[in-house]
Amino acid sequence: MDEIPYCIWHPDLASEDTYRDLARQHPNTIYYVGRACAAAGYHILYVELGILPDVSIAEEARESETAGGLRIYRDIMGATQRYAVIHDCDRSVAWENPPSPAYLNGDTQVRSRLQDRRVTPRHFQMAYRTIEENWNIHDDIFWHSGSKDSLGEAEIQLLYRPLPPDLPTVYKTPHPNGSPGRQYRPILAIEMPDGTN
């Protein structure tokens, strides 16, 4: 395996046995497998991996809406120390000395966010980098039914109350016109093909 794909949990999930075999044959994929376990709700395999409690895995588990995902989320949130091992911004894993303490900050590109397609090849220069490694490009622009176009009560409270250490899910998606908007520039400041970021 010369190059390891980063996002092995989207668009489809593999079986628990497939992820188990992958982790056994390629130990450098265990955090990717852990993230896939969170998305699929494979709690038993997640525990078998014996990985550090990672905040991006917690965010993925929280959004998975599966019983196993909720157990993974509770395991991580109940840990005495949490780490930022997986980094979606540059699709990397901090194998040595991952930052800790770490908190849920909403930067994880969870599966529900990956289902949105905002960019056509014609508008490629407006794209932003995603963990799918396709810059969110699709022939047609469409929005997943789970996309939100207004703030919920929990999100509104974030505007006037002190921020908690662990942020709830906040959909920081770009405007439907495809523009990445200012909210992505500090997070994903990556040079675009036209030289902008």
N, C-alpha and C. Protein backbone atom coordinates (compact mmCIF):
# COMPACT_ATOMS: atom_id res chain seq x y z
N MET A 1 0.85 -1.17 0.00
CA MET A 1 0.00 0.00 0.00
C MET A 1 0.89 1.23 0.00
N ASP A 2 1.07 1.85 -1.14
CA ASP A 2 1.95 3.00 -1.24
C ASP A 2 1.33 4.25 -0.61
N GLU A 3 0.07 4.50 -0.91
CA GLU A 3 -0.61 5.67 -0.39
C GLU A 3 -1.90 5.23 0.26
N ILE A 4 -2.15 5.74 1.46
CA ILE A 4 -3.32 5.35 2.21
C ILE A 4 -4.41 6.39 2.02
N PRO A 5 -5.58 6.00 1.56
CA PRO A 5 -6.68 6.96 1.47
C PRO A 5 -7.04 7.47 2.86
N TYR A 6 -7.41 8.72 2.94
CA TYR A 6 -7.75 9.32 4.24
C TYR A 6 -9.17 8.96 4.64
N CYS A 7 -10.11 9.18 3.76
CA CYS A 7 -11.52 9.04 4.09
C CYS A 7 -12.03 7.67 3.65
N ILE A 8 -11.99 6.70 4.57
CA ILE A 8 -12.42 5.34 4.24
C ILE A 8 -13.83 5.05 4.78
N TRP A 9 -14.57 6.09 5.10
CA TRP A 9 -15.91 5.93 5.65
C TRP A 9 -16.98 6.67 4.83
N HIS A 10 -16.61 7.15 3.67
CA HIS A 10 -17.56 7.85 2.80
C HIS A 10 -17.14 7.64 1.35
N PRO A 11 -18.01 7.42 0.42
CA PRO A 11 -19.46 7.53 0.52
C PRO A 11 -20.13 6.31 1.13
N ASP A 12 -19.46 5.15 1.14
CA ASP A 12 -20.06 3.95 1.71
C ASP A 12 -19.22 3.45 2.87
N LEU A 13 -19.90 2.79 3.78
CA LEU A 13 -19.22 2.17 4.90
C LEU A 13 -18.95 0.70 4.58
N ALA A 14 -17.80 0.22 5.03
CA ALA A 14 -17.48 -1.20 4.86
C ALA A 14 -18.04 -1.97 6.06
N SER A 15 -17.94 -3.27 6.00
CA SER A 15 -18.38 -4.10 7.13
C SER A 15 -17.36 -3.98 8.26
N GLU A 16 -17.80 -4.35 9.44
CA GLU A 16 -16.91 -4.31 10.60
C GLU A 16 -15.70 -5.23 10.38
N ASP A 17 -15.92 -6.40 9.80
CA ASP A 17 -14.82 -7.33 9.54
C ASP A 17 -13.82 -6.76 8.55
N THR A 18 -14.30 -6.05 7.54
CA THR A 18 -13.40 -5.44 6.56
C THR A 18 -12.50 -4.41 7.24
N TYR A 19 -13.09 -3.57 8.09
CA TYR A 19 -12.28 -2.57 8.81
C TYR A 19 -11.31 -3.26 9.78
N ARG A 20 -11.74 -4.34 10.41
CA ARG A 20 -10.87 -5.08 11.32
C ARG A 20 -9.66 -5.63 10.56
N ASP A 21 -9.91 -6.23 9.40
CA ASP A 21 -8.82 -6.76 8.58
C ASP A 21 -7.87 -5.65 8.12
N LEU A 22 -8.43 -4.52 7.73
CA LEU A 22 -7.60 -3.40 7.29
C LEU A 22 -6.66 -2.94 8.42
N ALA A 23 -7.21 -2.79 9.62
CA ALA A 23 -6.38 -2.36 10.76
C ALA A 23 -5.31 -3.39 11.10
N ARG A 24 -5.63 -4.67 10.97
CA ARG A 24 -4.67 -5.73 11.26
C ARG A 24 -3.55 -5.76 10.21
N GLN A 25 -3.93 -5.64 8.94
CA GLN A 25 -2.94 -5.72 7.86
C GLN A 25 -2.13 -4.43 7.70
N HIS A 26 -2.74 -3.30 8.05
CA HIS A 26 -2.08 -2.00 7.89
C HIS A 26 -2.28 -1.19 9.17
N PRO A 27 -1.43 -1.42 10.18
CA PRO A 27 -1.61 -0.76 11.47
C PRO A 27 -1.60 0.78 11.39
N ASN A 28 -1.03 1.33 10.33
CA ASN A 28 -1.01 2.79 10.20
C ASN A 28 -2.38 3.35 9.79
N THR A 29 -3.38 2.49 9.68
CA THR A 29 -4.73 2.96 9.37
C THR A 29 -5.66 2.94 10.58
N ILE A 30 -5.14 2.65 11.78
CA ILE A 30 -6.04 2.42 12.90
C ILE A 30 -6.90 3.64 13.25
N TYR A 31 -6.38 4.85 13.10
CA TYR A 31 -7.21 6.01 13.42
C TYR A 31 -8.27 6.24 12.33
N TYR A 32 -7.95 5.93 11.09
CA TYR A 32 -8.96 6.01 10.04
C TYR A 32 -10.06 4.98 10.30
N VAL A 33 -9.64 3.78 10.71
CA VAL A 33 -10.60 2.73 11.03
C VAL A 33 -11.43 3.17 12.25
N GLY A 34 -10.79 3.79 13.22
CA GLY A 34 -11.53 4.30 14.38
C GLY A 34 -12.59 5.31 13.98
N ARG A 35 -12.24 6.18 13.05
CA ARG A 35 -13.21 7.16 12.55
C ARG A 35 -14.33 6.47 11.80
N ALA A 36 -14.00 5.44 11.01
CA ALA A 36 -15.03 4.67 10.31
C ALA A 36 -15.95 3.97 11.31
N CYS A 37 -15.38 3.46 12.39
CA CYS A 37 -16.18 2.82 13.43
C CYS A 37 -17.18 3.82 14.02
N ALA A 38 -16.73 5.05 14.23
CA ALA A 38 -17.62 6.08 14.76
C ALA A 38 -18.76 6.37 13.80
N ALA A 39 -18.46 6.44 12.51
CA ALA A 39 -19.48 6.72 11.50
C ALA A 39 -20.47 5.58 11.37
N ALA A 40 -19.98 4.35 11.48
CA ALA A 40 -20.83 3.18 11.28
C ALA A 40 -21.46 2.67 12.57
N GLY A 41 -20.91 3.08 13.71
CA GLY A 41 -21.43 2.59 14.98
C GLY A 41 -20.83 1.26 15.41
N TYR A 42 -19.61 0.96 14.98
CA TYR A 42 -18.95 -0.30 15.34
C TYR A 42 -18.19 -0.13 16.66
N HIS A 43 -18.91 -0.14 17.76
CA HIS A 43 -18.31 0.10 19.07
C HIS A 43 -17.31 -0.98 19.46
N ILE A 44 -17.64 -2.24 19.23
CA ILE A 44 -16.74 -3.33 19.64
C ILE A 44 -15.39 -3.20 18.96
N LEU A 45 -15.38 -2.97 17.66
CA LEU A 45 -14.11 -2.82 16.94
C LEU A 45 -13.37 -1.58 17.43
N TYR A 46 -14.08 -0.49 17.67
CA TYR A 46 -13.43 0.72 18.18
C TYR A 46 -12.67 0.41 19.47
N VAL A 47 -13.29 -0.30 20.38
CA VAL A 47 -12.63 -0.65 21.65
C VAL A 47 -11.43 -1.55 21.38
N GLU A 48 -11.56 -2.50 20.46
CA GLU A 48 -10.45 -3.41 20.13
C GLU A 48 -9.23 -2.66 19.62
N LEU A 49 -9.43 -1.55 18.93
CA LEU A 49 -8.31 -0.79 18.35
C LEU A 49 -7.37 -0.23 19.41
N GLY A 50 -7.91 0.10 20.58
CA GLY A 50 -7.08 0.62 21.67
C GLY A 50 -6.41 1.94 21.34
N ILE A 51 -7.10 2.81 20.61
CA ILE A 51 -6.52 4.10 20.21
C ILE A 51 -6.83 5.19 21.23
N LEU A 52 -6.08 6.28 21.13
CA LEU A 52 -6.31 7.42 22.02
C LEU A 52 -7.70 8.01 21.76
N PRO A 53 -8.34 8.55 22.79
CA PRO A 53 -9.64 9.20 22.60
C PRO A 53 -9.49 10.49 21.79
N ASP A 54 -9.88 10.44 20.54
CA ASP A 54 -9.67 11.54 19.59
C ASP A 54 -10.96 12.34 19.43
N VAL A 55 -10.83 13.68 19.42
CA VAL A 55 -12.01 14.53 19.35
C VAL A 55 -12.71 14.48 17.99
N SER A 56 -12.00 14.26 16.91
CA SER A 56 -12.69 14.17 15.62
C SER A 56 -13.49 12.88 15.54
N ILE A 57 -13.00 11.82 16.15
CA ILE A 57 -13.77 10.58 16.21
C ILE A 57 -15.02 10.80 17.06
N ALA A 58 -14.89 11.57 18.14
CA ALA A 58 -16.05 11.89 18.98
C ALA A 58 -17.10 12.66 18.19
N GLU A 59 -16.66 13.64 17.40
CA GLU A 59 -17.62 14.41 16.60
C GLU A 59 -18.29 13.54 15.55
N GLU A 60 -17.53 12.67 14.92
CA GLU A 60 -18.12 11.76 13.93
C GLU A 60 -19.12 10.83 14.60
N ALA A 61 -18.78 10.31 15.77
CA ALA A 61 -19.66 9.41 16.51
C ALA A 61 -20.95 10.11 16.93
N ARG A 62 -20.82 11.35 17.39
CA ARG A 62 -21.99 12.12 17.82
C ARG A 62 -22.97 12.30 16.66
N GLU A 63 -22.45 12.50 15.46
CA GLU A 63 -23.31 12.76 14.30
C GLU A 63 -23.79 11.49 13.60
N SER A 64 -23.29 10.33 13.99
CA SER A 64 -23.62 9.09 13.27
C SER A 64 -25.06 8.63 13.49
N GLU A 65 -25.65 9.03 14.59
CA GLU A 65 -27.02 8.64 14.93
C GLU A 65 -27.18 7.12 14.99
N THR A 66 -26.15 6.45 15.49
CA THR A 66 -26.21 5.00 15.71
C THR A 66 -25.98 4.73 17.19
N ALA A 67 -26.49 3.60 17.67
CA ALA A 67 -26.30 3.25 19.08
C ALA A 67 -24.80 3.06 19.38
N GLY A 68 -24.10 2.37 18.48
CA GLY A 68 -22.66 2.17 18.68
C GLY A 68 -21.89 3.47 18.63
N GLY A 69 -22.30 4.37 17.73
CA GLY A 69 -21.66 5.69 17.65
C GLY A 69 -21.84 6.47 18.94
N LEU A 70 -23.03 6.41 19.51
CA LEU A 70 -23.29 7.10 20.78
C LEU A 70 -22.42 6.53 21.89
N ARG A 71 -22.21 5.22 21.90
CA ARG A 71 -21.33 4.61 22.91
C ARG A 71 -19.88 5.07 22.71
N ILE A 72 -19.43 5.15 21.46
CA ILE A 72 -18.08 5.63 21.18
C ILE A 72 -17.95 7.08 21.65
N TYR A 73 -18.95 7.90 21.34
CA TYR A 73 -18.96 9.30 21.77
C TYR A 73 -18.86 9.39 23.29
N ARG A 74 -19.65 8.61 23.99
CA ARG A 74 -19.63 8.64 25.46
C ARG A 74 -18.28 8.17 26.01
N ASP A 75 -17.70 7.14 25.38
CA ASP A 75 -16.37 6.66 25.81
C ASP A 75 -15.33 7.78 25.71
N ILE A 76 -15.34 8.47 24.59
CA ILE A 76 -14.34 9.53 24.37
C ILE A 76 -14.59 10.71 25.30
N MET A 77 -15.84 11.13 25.41
CA MET A 77 -16.16 12.28 26.26
C MET A 77 -15.93 11.97 27.74
N GLY A 78 -16.00 10.70 28.12
CA GLY A 78 -15.77 10.31 29.50
C GLY A 78 -14.31 10.06 29.83
N ALA A 79 -13.45 10.13 28.83
CA ALA A 79 -12.01 9.91 29.06
C ALA A 79 -11.43 11.05 29.87
N THR A 80 -10.45 10.75 30.70
CA THR A 80 -9.83 11.80 31.51
C THR A 80 -9.02 12.77 30.68
N GLN A 81 -8.55 12.32 29.53
CA GLN A 81 -7.79 13.18 28.63
C GLN A 81 -8.18 12.85 27.20
N ARG A 82 -8.36 13.90 26.37
CA ARG A 82 -8.71 13.72 24.96
C ARG A 82 -7.62 14.34 24.10
N TYR A 83 -7.51 13.83 22.88
CA TYR A 83 -6.43 14.24 21.97
C TYR A 83 -6.99 14.69 20.64
N ALA A 84 -6.20 15.48 19.92
CA ALA A 84 -6.50 15.87 18.54
C ALA A 84 -5.52 15.12 17.65
N VAL A 85 -5.83 13.87 17.38
CA VAL A 85 -4.93 13.00 16.62
C VAL A 85 -5.17 13.17 15.12
N ILE A 86 -6.44 13.16 14.72
CA ILE A 86 -6.80 13.26 13.31
C ILE A 86 -7.07 14.72 12.97
N HIS A 87 -6.49 15.17 11.85
CA HIS A 87 -6.66 16.57 11.43
C HIS A 87 -7.25 16.60 10.01
N ASP A 88 -8.53 16.97 9.92
CA ASP A 88 -9.18 17.02 8.61
C ASP A 88 -8.63 18.14 7.73
N CYS A 89 -8.16 19.22 8.34
CA CYS A 89 -7.70 20.35 7.54
C CYS A 89 -6.59 19.97 6.57
N ASP A 90 -5.70 19.10 7.00
CA ASP A 90 -4.63 18.68 6.10
C ASP A 90 -4.59 17.16 5.91
N ARG A 91 -5.67 16.49 6.31
CA ARG A 91 -5.81 15.04 6.17
C ARG A 91 -4.58 14.31 6.72
N SER A 92 -4.31 14.55 7.99
CA SER A 92 -3.13 13.93 8.59
C SER A 92 -3.48 13.32 9.94
N VAL A 93 -2.54 12.51 10.43
CA VAL A 93 -2.65 11.90 11.76
C VAL A 93 -1.40 12.26 12.54
N ALA A 94 -1.59 12.80 13.74
CA ALA A 94 -0.45 13.16 14.60
C ALA A 94 -0.06 11.92 15.41
N TRP A 95 0.85 11.13 14.84
CA TRP A 95 1.25 9.88 15.48
C TRP A 95 2.05 10.12 16.75
N GLU A 96 2.88 11.14 16.74
CA GLU A 96 3.72 11.42 17.91
C GLU A 96 3.27 12.72 18.56
N ASN A 97 3.09 12.69 19.85
CA ASN A 97 2.73 13.86 20.65
C ASN A 97 1.50 14.60 20.12
N PRO A 98 0.35 13.92 19.98
CA PRO A 98 -0.84 14.64 19.54
C PRO A 98 -1.26 15.68 20.58
N PRO A 99 -1.78 16.82 20.12
CA PRO A 99 -2.18 17.87 21.06
C PRO A 99 -3.21 17.37 22.07
N SER A 100 -2.99 17.77 23.32
CA SER A 100 -3.92 17.45 24.39
C SER A 100 -3.70 18.47 25.50
N PRO A 101 -4.72 18.96 26.16
CA PRO A 101 -6.11 18.57 26.01
C PRO A 101 -6.69 19.08 24.69
N ALA A 102 -7.69 18.37 24.22
CA ALA A 102 -8.36 18.74 22.97
C ALA A 102 -9.86 18.77 23.20
N TYR A 103 -10.51 19.63 22.46
CA TYR A 103 -11.95 19.84 22.63
C TYR A 103 -12.65 19.74 21.28
N LEU A 104 -13.94 19.45 21.33
CA LEU A 104 -14.74 19.40 20.12
C LEU A 104 -14.93 20.82 19.62
N ASN A 105 -14.50 21.10 18.39
CA ASN A 105 -14.54 22.47 17.89
C ASN A 105 -15.33 22.62 16.59
N GLY A 106 -15.94 21.55 16.13
CA GLY A 106 -16.77 21.64 14.93
C GLY A 106 -16.00 21.65 13.63
N ASP A 107 -14.70 21.40 13.66
CA ASP A 107 -13.90 21.40 12.43
C ASP A 107 -13.92 20.06 11.71
N THR A 108 -14.47 19.04 12.34
CA THR A 108 -14.50 17.73 11.72
C THR A 108 -15.50 17.71 10.56
N GLN A 109 -15.07 17.20 9.43
CA GLN A 109 -15.96 17.08 8.28
C GLN A 109 -16.69 15.74 8.38
N VAL A 110 -17.76 15.75 9.17
CA VAL A 110 -18.52 14.52 9.41
C VAL A 110 -19.25 14.09 8.14
N ARG A 111 -19.67 12.83 8.09
CA ARG A 111 -20.28 12.26 6.87
C ARG A 111 -21.46 13.08 6.37
N SER A 112 -22.28 13.59 7.27
CA SER A 112 -23.45 14.35 6.81
C SER A 112 -23.05 15.59 6.04
N ARG A 113 -21.91 16.19 6.37
CA ARG A 113 -21.43 17.36 5.63
C ARG A 113 -20.84 16.98 4.28
N LEU A 114 -20.37 15.75 4.16
CA LEU A 114 -19.75 15.32 2.91
C LEU A 114 -20.78 15.04 1.83
N GLN A 115 -22.03 14.92 2.20
CA GLN A 115 -23.06 14.62 1.21
C GLN A 115 -23.48 15.84 0.41
N ASP A 116 -23.13 17.03 0.87
CA ASP A 116 -23.43 18.24 0.12
C ASP A 116 -22.47 18.37 -1.04
N ARG A 117 -22.95 18.83 -2.17
CA ARG A 117 -22.11 19.10 -3.33
C ARG A 117 -22.36 20.54 -3.73
N ARG A 118 -21.35 21.37 -3.57
CA ARG A 118 -21.53 22.79 -3.80
C ARG A 118 -20.86 23.30 -5.06
N VAL A 119 -20.02 22.52 -5.66
CA VAL A 119 -19.15 23.04 -6.70
C VAL A 119 -19.25 22.19 -7.96
N THR A 120 -19.43 22.85 -9.08
CA THR A 120 -19.38 22.16 -10.36
C THR A 120 -17.98 22.36 -10.93
N PRO A 121 -17.54 21.53 -11.87
CA PRO A 121 -16.21 21.72 -12.43
C PRO A 121 -16.01 23.13 -13.01
N ARG A 122 -17.07 23.72 -13.51
CA ARG A 122 -17.00 25.07 -14.09
C ARG A 122 -16.64 26.11 -13.02
N HIS A 123 -17.01 25.86 -11.76
CA HIS A 123 -16.76 26.82 -10.68
C HIS A 123 -15.67 26.32 -9.74
N PHE A 124 -14.74 25.54 -10.26
CA PHE A 124 -13.72 24.90 -9.43
C PHE A 124 -12.94 25.89 -8.58
N GLN A 125 -12.65 27.08 -9.09
CA GLN A 125 -11.82 28.02 -8.34
C GLN A 125 -12.48 28.45 -7.04
N MET A 126 -13.79 28.20 -6.88
CA MET A 126 -14.48 28.57 -5.65
C MET A 126 -14.48 27.41 -4.65
N ALA A 127 -13.91 26.28 -5.00
CA ALA A 127 -13.96 25.11 -4.14
C ALA A 127 -13.08 25.26 -2.92
N TYR A 128 -13.36 24.45 -1.92
CA TYR A 128 -12.47 24.35 -0.78
C TYR A 128 -12.14 22.88 -0.56
N ARG A 129 -11.04 22.64 0.07
CA ARG A 129 -10.53 21.29 0.22
C ARG A 129 -11.40 20.49 1.19
N THR A 130 -11.66 19.24 0.84
CA THR A 130 -12.40 18.36 1.72
C THR A 130 -11.60 17.08 1.93
N ILE A 131 -12.05 16.30 2.90
CA ILE A 131 -11.33 15.06 3.18
C ILE A 131 -11.57 14.00 2.13
N GLU A 132 -12.52 14.20 1.24
CA GLU A 132 -12.76 13.25 0.16
C GLU A 132 -11.71 13.39 -0.93
N GLU A 133 -10.93 14.42 -0.90
CA GLU A 133 -9.87 14.69 -1.87
C GLU A 133 -10.43 14.99 -3.26
N ASN A 134 -11.69 15.45 -3.32
CA ASN A 134 -12.28 15.79 -4.61
C ASN A 134 -12.72 17.25 -4.64
N TRP A 135 -12.38 18.00 -3.62
CA TRP A 135 -12.71 19.43 -3.52
C TRP A 135 -14.21 19.69 -3.63
N ASN A 136 -15.04 18.70 -3.27
CA ASN A 136 -16.49 18.83 -3.28
C ASN A 136 -17.06 19.04 -4.68
N ILE A 137 -16.38 18.58 -5.68
CA ILE A 137 -16.83 18.79 -7.05
C ILE A 137 -17.82 17.70 -7.45
N HIS A 138 -18.85 18.11 -8.14
CA HIS A 138 -19.86 17.21 -8.68
C HIS A 138 -20.44 17.87 -9.92
N ASP A 139 -21.00 17.09 -10.81
CA ASP A 139 -21.56 17.65 -12.04
C ASP A 139 -22.70 18.63 -11.77
N ASP A 140 -23.45 18.39 -10.74
CA ASP A 140 -24.56 19.27 -10.39
C ASP A 140 -24.40 19.73 -8.95
N ILE A 141 -24.90 20.90 -8.65
CA ILE A 141 -24.91 21.38 -7.27
C ILE A 141 -26.18 20.86 -6.62
N PHE A 142 -26.05 20.18 -5.51
CA PHE A 142 -27.24 19.77 -4.77
C PHE A 142 -26.90 19.78 -3.29
N TRP A 143 -27.93 19.84 -2.49
CA TRP A 143 -27.78 19.91 -1.04
C TRP A 143 -28.44 18.71 -0.40
N HIS A 144 -27.75 18.12 0.53
CA HIS A 144 -28.28 17.01 1.30
C HIS A 144 -29.47 17.51 2.11
N SER A 145 -30.46 16.67 2.29
CA SER A 145 -31.66 17.10 3.02
C SER A 145 -31.35 17.49 4.46
N GLY A 146 -30.20 17.04 4.98
CA GLY A 146 -29.84 17.40 6.35
C GLY A 146 -29.19 18.76 6.46
N SER A 147 -28.92 19.42 5.36
CA SER A 147 -28.29 20.74 5.40
C SER A 147 -29.23 21.73 6.07
N LYS A 148 -28.64 22.65 6.80
CA LYS A 148 -29.44 23.61 7.52
C LYS A 148 -29.24 25.00 6.93
N ASP A 149 -30.33 25.73 6.77
CA ASP A 149 -30.21 27.08 6.25
C ASP A 149 -30.59 28.11 7.30
N SER A 150 -30.82 27.67 8.54
CA SER A 150 -31.09 28.60 9.62
C SER A 150 -30.48 28.05 10.90
N LEU A 151 -30.29 28.92 11.87
CA LEU A 151 -29.69 28.51 13.13
C LEU A 151 -30.74 27.94 14.07
N GLY A 152 -30.36 26.90 14.79
CA GLY A 152 -31.20 26.33 15.83
C GLY A 152 -30.98 27.09 17.13
N GLU A 153 -31.77 26.80 18.13
CA GLU A 153 -31.68 27.50 19.41
C GLU A 153 -30.30 27.33 20.05
N ALA A 154 -29.76 26.11 20.01
CA ALA A 154 -28.43 25.87 20.59
C ALA A 154 -27.36 26.70 19.89
N GLU A 155 -27.50 26.87 18.58
CA GLU A 155 -26.52 27.67 17.82
C GLU A 155 -26.69 29.16 18.12
N ILE A 156 -27.90 29.61 18.25
CA ILE A 156 -28.15 31.03 18.57
C ILE A 156 -27.56 31.37 19.93
N GLN A 157 -27.67 30.47 20.89
CA GLN A 157 -27.12 30.72 22.22
C GLN A 157 -25.61 30.88 22.19
N LEU A 158 -24.95 30.28 21.21
CA LEU A 158 -23.50 30.44 21.10
C LEU A 158 -23.11 31.87 20.76
N LEU A 159 -24.05 32.65 20.24
CA LEU A 159 -23.76 34.03 19.86
C LEU A 159 -23.74 34.97 21.05
N TYR A 160 -24.41 34.63 22.14
CA TYR A 160 -24.49 35.57 23.27
C TYR A 160 -24.09 34.97 24.61
N ARG A 161 -23.84 33.68 24.68
CA ARG A 161 -23.39 33.06 25.91
C ARG A 161 -21.91 32.72 25.80
N PRO A 162 -21.23 32.57 26.93
CA PRO A 162 -19.83 32.12 26.86
C PRO A 162 -19.75 30.76 26.15
N LEU A 163 -18.76 30.61 25.33
CA LEU A 163 -18.61 29.36 24.59
C LEU A 163 -18.19 28.24 25.52
N PRO A 164 -18.81 27.06 25.37
CA PRO A 164 -18.36 25.90 26.16
C PRO A 164 -17.06 25.37 25.58
N PRO A 165 -16.29 24.63 26.38
CA PRO A 165 -15.03 24.07 25.84
C PRO A 165 -15.29 23.14 24.65
N ASP A 166 -16.37 22.35 24.73
CA ASP A 166 -16.74 21.45 23.65
C ASP A 166 -17.96 22.02 22.95
N LEU A 167 -17.76 22.41 21.69
CA LEU A 167 -18.86 23.02 20.95
C LEU A 167 -19.85 21.98 20.44
N PRO A 168 -21.13 22.32 20.45
CA PRO A 168 -22.10 21.43 19.81
C PRO A 168 -21.91 21.49 18.31
N THR A 169 -22.60 20.63 17.61
CA THR A 169 -22.52 20.64 16.16
C THR A 169 -23.08 21.95 15.63
N VAL A 170 -22.29 22.63 14.84
CA VAL A 170 -22.71 23.85 14.18
C VAL A 170 -22.38 23.67 12.72
N TYR A 171 -23.37 23.82 11.86
CA TYR A 171 -23.15 23.61 10.44
C TYR A 171 -22.55 24.87 9.84
N LYS A 172 -21.23 24.81 9.62
CA LYS A 172 -20.50 25.96 9.08
C LYS A 172 -20.38 25.81 7.57
N THR A 173 -21.48 25.51 6.92
CA THR A 173 -21.43 25.29 5.48
C THR A 173 -21.46 26.62 4.74
N PRO A 174 -20.90 26.64 3.55
CA PRO A 174 -20.90 27.86 2.75
C PRO A 174 -22.31 28.23 2.31
N HIS A 175 -22.44 29.42 1.84
CA HIS A 175 -23.71 29.91 1.30
C HIS A 175 -24.08 29.07 0.09
N PRO A 176 -25.38 28.83 -0.17
CA PRO A 176 -25.78 28.01 -1.31
C PRO A 176 -25.27 28.47 -2.67
N ASN A 177 -24.74 29.69 -2.78
CA ASN A 177 -24.21 30.11 -4.07
C ASN A 177 -22.85 29.49 -4.37
N GLY A 178 -22.34 28.69 -3.41
CA GLY A 178 -21.09 27.99 -3.63
C GLY A 178 -19.87 28.68 -3.06
N SER A 179 -20.03 29.89 -2.57
CA SER A 179 -18.90 30.63 -2.03
C SER A 179 -18.48 30.04 -0.69
N PRO A 180 -17.20 29.77 -0.50
CA PRO A 180 -16.77 29.19 0.76
C PRO A 180 -16.95 30.13 1.94
N GLY A 181 -17.00 31.40 1.71
CA GLY A 181 -17.27 32.33 2.80
C GLY A 181 -16.09 32.51 3.73
N ARG A 182 -16.19 33.51 4.57
CA ARG A 182 -15.09 33.85 5.47
C ARG A 182 -14.85 32.78 6.52
N GLN A 183 -15.92 32.05 6.94
CA GLN A 183 -15.76 31.10 8.02
C GLN A 183 -14.78 29.99 7.68
N TYR A 184 -14.55 29.67 6.42
CA TYR A 184 -13.62 28.60 6.07
C TYR A 184 -12.19 29.08 5.90
N ARG A 185 -11.99 30.35 5.68
CA ARG A 185 -10.63 30.82 5.39
C ARG A 185 -9.65 30.56 6.52
N PRO A 186 -9.99 30.80 7.80
CA PRO A 186 -9.01 30.51 8.85
C PRO A 186 -8.79 29.01 9.03
N ILE A 187 -9.82 28.21 8.77
CA ILE A 187 -9.74 26.79 9.01
C ILE A 187 -9.02 26.08 7.88
N LEU A 188 -9.40 26.38 6.66
CA LEU A 188 -8.88 25.68 5.50
C LEU A 188 -8.19 26.64 4.55
N ALA A 189 -7.24 27.38 5.05
CA ALA A 189 -6.54 28.37 4.23
C ALA A 189 -5.53 27.65 3.35
N ILE A 190 -6.00 27.19 2.23
CA ILE A 190 -5.19 26.42 1.29
C ILE A 190 -5.23 27.13 -0.05
N GLU A 191 -4.11 27.20 -0.70
CA GLU A 191 -4.09 27.91 -1.99
C GLU A 191 -4.91 27.19 -3.02
N MET A 192 -5.77 27.91 -3.69
CA MET A 192 -6.64 27.38 -4.72
C MET A 192 -5.90 27.38 -6.07
N PRO A 193 -6.43 26.66 -7.05
CA PRO A 193 -5.77 26.62 -8.36
C PRO A 193 -5.60 28.00 -9.00
N ASP A 194 -6.47 28.95 -8.66
CA ASP A 194 -6.33 30.29 -9.25
C ASP A 194 -5.42 31.20 -8.42
N GLY A 195 -4.76 30.63 -7.37
CA GLY A 195 -3.81 31.40 -6.56
C GLY A 195 -4.41 32.07 -5.35
N THR A 196 -5.72 31.94 -5.13
CA THR A 196 -6.35 32.54 -3.96
C THR A 196 -6.47 31.51 -2.86
N ASN A 197 -6.86 32.00 -1.66
CA ASN A 197 -7.20 31.06 -0.60
C ASN A 197 -8.40 31.52 0.14
